[in-house]
Amino acid sequence: MIHIKCKDINLDPLPVKIGIIGGSGLDDPDILENRKATEIDTPYGAPSDALIEGEIAGVKCVLLARHGRKHNIMPSNVNYRANIWAMRQVGCTHLIVSTACGSLREEIRPGDLVMPNDFIDRTTKRSQTFFDGGGQSPQGVCHLSMYPSFSERVREVLIATAKELDYNVHEKATIVTIEGPRFSSRSESNMFRQWGGDLINMTTCPEVVLAKEAGLLYGSVAIATDYDCWRMGCEGVNVQDVLKTFGENVIKVKNILVKAVQNIAKQDWSEDILNAKDCVCKNTMSGAM
């Protein structure tokens, strides 16, 4: 049985270790110095691939390819629990991730960068919690609030970093996560727009949920690759167009992630780190935390 320790009193600044989960094309190990691959197992099975541990400008980081380095794991088959738990297990305090998305808004154009602040979960097959009552799970049942969904302070750093690099960025968006691997029908796409969705992808949920449940500070850099299929006069989304737009803009996301690591490390995150863990403890019932 796993025990999660609650908030301890510590007056010294806590060191940061930043996990980076890269989506399609954003899992390049060359961004890390002094890197080494580490195979790891978790109570929830193996993560998508080896963890690549190293440094960015002296800051300890861990890189994980969400779909595997061969991109052979479809969204529904990603072991999100193992991925997040592995990052926690090696001592990460933060997670900054990348994701390719469809746009549900005219003003979010293909190629635009977006920092999501909320989500709508339309997945149906994925484990949403570590607290599942299994023999290896943490004790108790965790009823964790998903407001705010993302770490607001991490989002602020990502936004500031994009502006520092002179990139235009949309500072808020609600991201709809669908099961996939198919894209939406036009009726579904229009429905998500009516619900208030701004972006659509296949991987934010349950990743963002599990990160918060693990007490990690999570932020996401999204790149819009297409207009999904809601937009009249446009063909439906296809992989070729997605890859083309993605390839033309992927360097911007890499630059943001690398610079954001350095900007995060300049700040004292002790209170945020402890509060994130304490939040899990306070919202877990019948568990010896």
Protein backbone atom coordinates (compact mmCIF):
# COMPACT_ATOMS: atom_id res chain seq x y z
CA MET A 1 0.00 0.00 0.00
CA ILE A 2 1.35 3.41 -0.98
CA HIS A 3 1.48 6.16 1.61
CA ILE A 4 1.46 9.79 0.48
CA LYS A 5 3.03 12.14 3.01
CA CYS A 6 1.23 15.33 3.84
CA LYS A 7 2.71 18.78 4.22
CA ASP A 8 5.86 19.02 6.31
CA ILE A 9 7.25 22.20 7.85
CA ASN A 10 10.36 23.22 5.94
CA LEU A 11 11.73 26.73 5.96
CA ASP A 12 14.34 26.08 3.28
CA PRO A 13 13.49 26.61 -0.41
CA LEU A 14 12.58 23.28 -1.96
CA PRO A 15 14.54 22.27 -5.07
CA VAL A 16 12.62 21.94 -8.30
CA LYS A 17 12.84 19.07 -10.73
CA ILE A 18 10.87 19.53 -13.90
CA GLY A 19 9.21 16.77 -15.86
CA ILE A 20 8.56 17.36 -19.54
CA ILE A 21 6.01 15.19 -21.33
CA GLY A 22 6.34 15.60 -25.05
CA GLY A 23 3.58 14.86 -27.51
CA SER A 24 4.07 14.11 -31.19
CA GLY A 25 7.42 15.53 -32.31
CA LEU A 26 8.08 17.22 -28.97
CA ASP A 27 10.02 14.50 -27.19
CA ASP A 28 13.49 15.41 -28.48
CA PRO A 29 16.14 14.24 -25.96
CA ASP A 30 18.68 16.65 -27.44
CA ILE A 31 17.19 19.45 -25.33
CA LEU A 32 18.80 17.78 -22.30
CA GLU A 33 22.47 17.85 -21.30
CA ASN A 34 24.18 15.01 -19.39
CA ARG A 35 21.26 12.79 -20.23
CA LYS A 36 20.73 9.16 -19.38
CA ALA A 37 17.85 6.80 -20.01
CA THR A 38 16.23 5.17 -16.99
CA GLU A 39 13.83 2.23 -17.19
CA ILE A 40 11.32 2.43 -14.37
CA ASP A 41 8.34 0.46 -13.14
CA THR A 42 5.42 1.78 -11.12
CA PRO A 43 2.51 0.28 -9.17
CA TYR A 44 0.45 0.99 -12.31
CA GLY A 45 2.77 -0.69 -14.78
CA ALA A 46 5.43 0.69 -17.09
CA PRO A 47 5.32 4.24 -18.48
CA SER A 48 5.21 4.89 -22.22
CA ASP A 49 9.00 4.75 -22.57
CA ALA A 50 12.24 5.15 -20.68
CA LEU A 51 12.61 8.35 -18.67
CA ILE A 52 15.38 10.52 -20.05
CA GLU A 53 16.97 12.32 -17.11
CA GLY A 54 19.31 15.25 -17.61
CA GLU A 55 19.65 19.00 -17.27
CA ILE A 56 18.65 22.20 -19.02
CA ALA A 57 21.00 25.05 -18.07
CA GLY A 58 21.81 23.21 -14.84
CA VAL A 59 18.16 22.53 -13.92
CA LYS A 60 17.31 18.88 -13.31
CA CYS A 61 14.72 17.65 -15.81
CA VAL A 62 13.07 14.41 -16.89
CA LEU A 63 11.74 13.88 -20.41
CA LEU A 64 9.10 11.33 -21.36
CA ALA A 65 7.63 10.61 -24.78
CA ARG A 66 3.88 10.38 -24.18
CA HIS A 67 3.26 8.05 -27.14
CA GLY A 68 6.63 6.28 -26.90
CA ARG A 69 9.70 7.32 -28.84
CA LYS A 70 8.46 5.32 -31.83
CA HIS A 71 5.03 6.95 -31.53
CA ASN A 72 3.39 3.54 -31.39
CA ILE A 73 0.93 4.10 -28.50
CA MET A 74 -2.46 5.51 -29.44
CA PRO A 75 -4.06 8.05 -27.07
CA SER A 76 -6.44 5.63 -25.36
CA ASN A 77 -3.62 3.14 -24.70
CA VAL A 78 -1.23 5.59 -23.08
CA ASN A 79 -0.65 4.47 -19.50
CA TYR A 80 -1.29 7.92 -18.04
CA ARG A 81 -1.17 6.69 -14.45
CA ALA A 82 2.24 5.06 -14.92
CA ASN A 83 3.56 8.14 -16.73
CA ILE A 84 2.56 10.56 -14.00
CA TRP A 85 3.50 8.27 -11.14
CA ALA A 86 6.93 7.66 -12.69
CA MET A 87 7.53 11.42 -12.79
CA ARG A 88 6.49 11.69 -9.15
CA GLN A 89 8.61 8.66 -8.24
CA VAL A 90 11.82 10.25 -9.59
CA GLY A 91 11.16 13.44 -7.63
CA CYS A 92 9.58 15.83 -10.12
CA THR A 93 7.84 18.86 -8.65
CA HIS A 94 6.55 20.32 -11.93
CA LEU A 95 5.21 18.97 -15.19
CA ILE A 96 5.24 21.06 -18.35
CA VAL A 97 3.78 19.32 -21.34
CA SER A 98 3.10 19.88 -25.01
CA THR A 99 0.06 18.92 -27.04
CA ALA A 100 -1.15 19.27 -30.60
CA CYS A 101 -4.78 20.41 -30.82
CA GLY A 102 -7.55 21.30 -33.20
CA SER A 103 -8.98 24.81 -32.93
CA LEU A 104 -12.67 25.34 -32.20
CA ARG A 105 -12.43 29.13 -32.56
CA GLU A 106 -11.89 31.32 -35.61
CA GLU A 107 -9.43 33.51 -33.71
CA ILE A 108 -7.19 30.54 -32.80
CA ARG A 109 -5.53 29.94 -36.14
CA PRO A 110 -3.48 26.92 -37.21
CA GLY A 111 0.05 27.50 -35.97
CA ASP A 112 -1.05 29.56 -32.95
CA LEU A 113 0.25 28.85 -29.45
CA VAL A 114 -2.22 28.50 -26.58
CA MET A 115 -1.90 28.05 -22.80
CA PRO A 116 -5.03 26.13 -21.67
CA ASN A 117 -6.58 26.89 -18.30
CA ASP A 118 -9.52 24.47 -18.19
CA PHE A 119 -10.84 21.27 -19.77
CA ILE A 120 -13.90 19.27 -20.73
CA ASP A 121 -13.36 15.52 -20.50
CA ARG A 122 -15.10 13.41 -23.13
CA THR A 123 -12.99 10.28 -22.67
CA THR A 124 -14.62 7.03 -21.59
CA LYS A 125 -11.98 4.31 -21.27
CA ARG A 126 -9.22 5.79 -19.13
CA SER A 127 -8.34 5.38 -15.46
CA GLN A 128 -8.88 8.75 -13.79
CA THR A 129 -7.39 8.21 -10.33
CA PHE A 130 -4.56 6.56 -8.45
CA PHE A 131 -6.95 5.89 -5.55
CA ASP A 132 -8.69 2.90 -7.13
CA GLY A 133 -8.80 0.59 -4.09
CA GLY A 134 -6.19 -1.75 -5.52
CA GLY A 135 -3.56 -3.41 -3.40
CA GLN A 136 -0.87 -1.03 -4.67
CA SER A 137 -2.92 2.16 -4.66
CA PRO A 138 -2.76 4.96 -2.08
CA GLN A 139 -5.18 4.53 0.80
CA GLY A 140 -8.58 6.17 0.74
CA VAL A 141 -10.69 7.90 -1.90
CA CYS A 142 -9.58 11.23 -3.32
CA HIS A 143 -12.30 13.76 -4.25
CA LEU A 144 -10.07 16.40 -5.76
CA SER A 145 -11.39 19.72 -7.04
CA MET A 146 -10.50 20.41 -10.66
CA TYR A 147 -10.71 24.15 -10.23
CA PRO A 148 -8.17 25.37 -11.02
CA SER A 149 -7.34 22.56 -13.43
CA PHE A 150 -3.84 23.74 -14.30
CA SER A 151 -1.29 25.40 -12.05
CA GLU A 152 -1.99 29.09 -12.55
CA ARG A 153 1.53 30.07 -11.56
CA VAL A 154 3.09 27.64 -14.05
CA ARG A 155 0.75 28.99 -16.72
CA GLU A 156 1.90 32.51 -15.94
CA VAL A 157 5.52 31.46 -16.43
CA LEU A 158 4.70 29.78 -19.74
CA ILE A 159 2.83 32.85 -20.99
CA ALA A 160 5.60 35.20 -19.89
CA THR A 161 8.19 32.95 -21.52
CA ALA A 162 6.33 32.95 -24.84
CA LYS A 163 6.17 36.74 -24.74
CA GLU A 164 9.85 36.94 -23.80
CA LEU A 165 10.58 34.96 -26.97
CA ASP A 166 8.35 37.38 -28.92
CA TYR A 167 5.73 34.75 -29.73
CA ASN A 168 2.05 35.58 -29.89
CA VAL A 169 0.08 33.43 -27.48
CA HIS A 170 -3.55 32.92 -26.48
CA GLU A 171 -3.48 33.11 -22.70
CA LYS A 172 -6.61 31.08 -21.89
CA ALA A 173 -8.55 28.24 -23.45
CA THR A 174 -10.83 25.38 -22.52
CA ILE A 175 -9.55 22.19 -24.08
CA VAL A 176 -11.90 19.32 -24.94
CA THR A 177 -10.32 15.86 -24.76
CA ILE A 178 -11.98 13.17 -26.85
CA GLU A 179 -11.25 9.46 -26.77
CA GLY A 180 -9.89 9.16 -30.29
CA PRO A 181 -8.14 7.93 -32.29
CA ARG A 182 -10.74 9.20 -34.75
CA PHE A 183 -11.39 12.90 -35.17
CA SER A 184 -14.76 14.50 -34.42
CA SER A 185 -17.84 14.50 -36.61
CA ARG A 186 -18.99 17.97 -37.67
CA SER A 187 -21.97 17.78 -35.31
CA GLU A 188 -19.70 16.86 -32.43
CA SER A 189 -17.30 19.67 -33.31
CA ASN A 190 -20.13 22.22 -33.31
CA MET A 191 -21.47 20.80 -30.05
CA PHE A 192 -18.09 21.28 -28.37
CA ARG A 193 -18.07 24.90 -29.57
CA GLN A 194 -21.50 25.46 -28.05
CA TRP A 195 -20.25 23.98 -24.78
CA GLY A 196 -17.51 26.59 -24.62
CA GLY A 197 -14.61 24.51 -25.93
CA ASP A 198 -11.75 26.40 -27.60
CA LEU A 199 -9.39 23.53 -28.44
CA ILE A 200 -9.75 19.80 -28.95
CA ASN A 201 -7.24 17.01 -28.44
CA MET A 202 -6.91 13.39 -27.28
CA THR A 203 -4.42 13.51 -24.39
CA THR A 204 -4.99 16.26 -21.79
CA CYS A 205 -7.39 14.05 -19.83
CA PRO A 206 -6.72 12.26 -17.59
CA GLU A 207 -3.12 13.52 -17.61
CA VAL A 208 -3.96 16.88 -16.02
CA VAL A 209 -6.19 15.20 -13.43
CA LEU A 210 -3.57 12.64 -12.43
CA ALA A 211 -0.86 15.29 -12.22
CA LYS A 212 -2.91 17.24 -9.70
CA GLU A 213 -3.72 14.07 -7.78
CA ALA A 214 0.03 13.33 -7.63
CA GLY A 215 0.69 16.79 -6.21
CA LEU A 216 2.58 18.02 -9.27
CA LEU A 217 2.39 21.56 -10.67
CA TYR A 218 1.14 21.11 -14.24
CA GLY A 219 1.13 23.46 -17.20
CA SER A 220 0.60 22.86 -20.91
CA VAL A 221 1.73 24.46 -24.15
CA ALA A 222 -0.76 23.71 -26.92
CA ILE A 223 -0.23 24.27 -30.61
CA ALA A 224 -3.26 24.57 -32.86
CA THR A 225 -2.71 22.51 -36.00
CA ASP A 226 -6.09 22.73 -37.71
CA TYR A 227 -9.69 23.94 -37.46
CA ASP A 228 -11.10 20.51 -36.65
CA CYS A 229 -14.14 20.19 -38.95
CA TRP A 230 -16.68 22.76 -37.69
CA ARG A 231 -15.56 25.52 -40.06
CA MET A 232 -17.73 25.70 -43.16
CA GLY A 233 -15.89 25.80 -46.46
CA CYS A 234 -12.93 23.84 -45.09
CA GLU A 235 -12.13 20.19 -45.53
CA GLY A 236 -12.20 17.99 -42.47
CA VAL A 237 -9.02 17.60 -40.46
CA ASN A 238 -6.45 15.12 -41.80
CA VAL A 239 -3.11 13.86 -40.54
CA GLN A 240 -1.10 15.28 -43.44
CA ASP A 241 -2.22 18.86 -42.77
CA VAL A 242 -1.75 18.43 -39.03
CA LEU A 243 1.84 17.23 -39.48
CA LYS A 244 2.63 20.04 -41.91
CA THR A 245 1.42 22.78 -39.57
CA PHE A 246 3.02 21.09 -36.62
CA GLY A 247 6.39 20.77 -38.33
CA GLU A 248 6.37 24.46 -39.25
CA ASN A 249 5.84 25.55 -35.63
CA VAL A 250 7.32 22.85 -33.40
CA ILE A 251 10.53 24.81 -32.79
CA LYS A 252 8.53 27.52 -31.02
CA VAL A 253 7.16 25.03 -28.52
CA LYS A 254 10.61 23.56 -27.89
CA ASN A 255 12.00 27.04 -27.29
CA ILE A 256 9.23 27.81 -24.81
CA LEU A 257 9.77 24.57 -22.89
CA VAL A 258 13.54 25.05 -22.66
CA LYS A 259 13.31 28.69 -21.60
CA ALA A 260 10.41 28.01 -19.21
CA VAL A 261 12.52 25.45 -17.34
CA GLN A 262 15.10 28.16 -16.67
CA ASN A 263 12.45 30.71 -15.69
CA ILE A 264 10.75 28.29 -13.30
CA ALA A 265 14.05 27.53 -11.61
CA LYS A 266 14.62 31.22 -10.88
CA GLN A 267 11.65 31.30 -8.50
CA ASP A 268 10.96 29.85 -5.07
CA TRP A 269 8.18 27.26 -5.42
CA SER A 270 8.31 25.85 -1.89
CA GLU A 271 4.84 27.01 -0.85
CA ASP A 272 3.24 25.88 -4.12
CA ILE A 273 4.86 22.45 -3.92
CA LEU A 274 3.74 21.90 -0.33
CA ASN A 275 0.25 23.25 -0.99
CA ALA A 276 -0.19 20.94 -3.98
CA LYS A 277 0.60 17.92 -1.82
CA ASP A 278 -1.49 19.21 1.08
CA CYS A 279 -4.46 19.69 -1.26
CA VAL A 280 -4.43 15.96 -2.06
CA CYS A 281 -4.24 15.04 1.61
CA LYS A 282 -7.11 17.30 2.63
CA ASN A 283 -9.37 15.90 -0.10
CA THR A 284 -8.73 12.23 0.59
CA MET A 285 -11.24 10.36 2.76
CA SER A 286 -10.65 7.34 4.99
CA GLY A 287 -6.95 7.17 4.15
CA ALA A 288 -3.92 7.18 6.37
CA MET A 289 -2.03 9.88 4.53
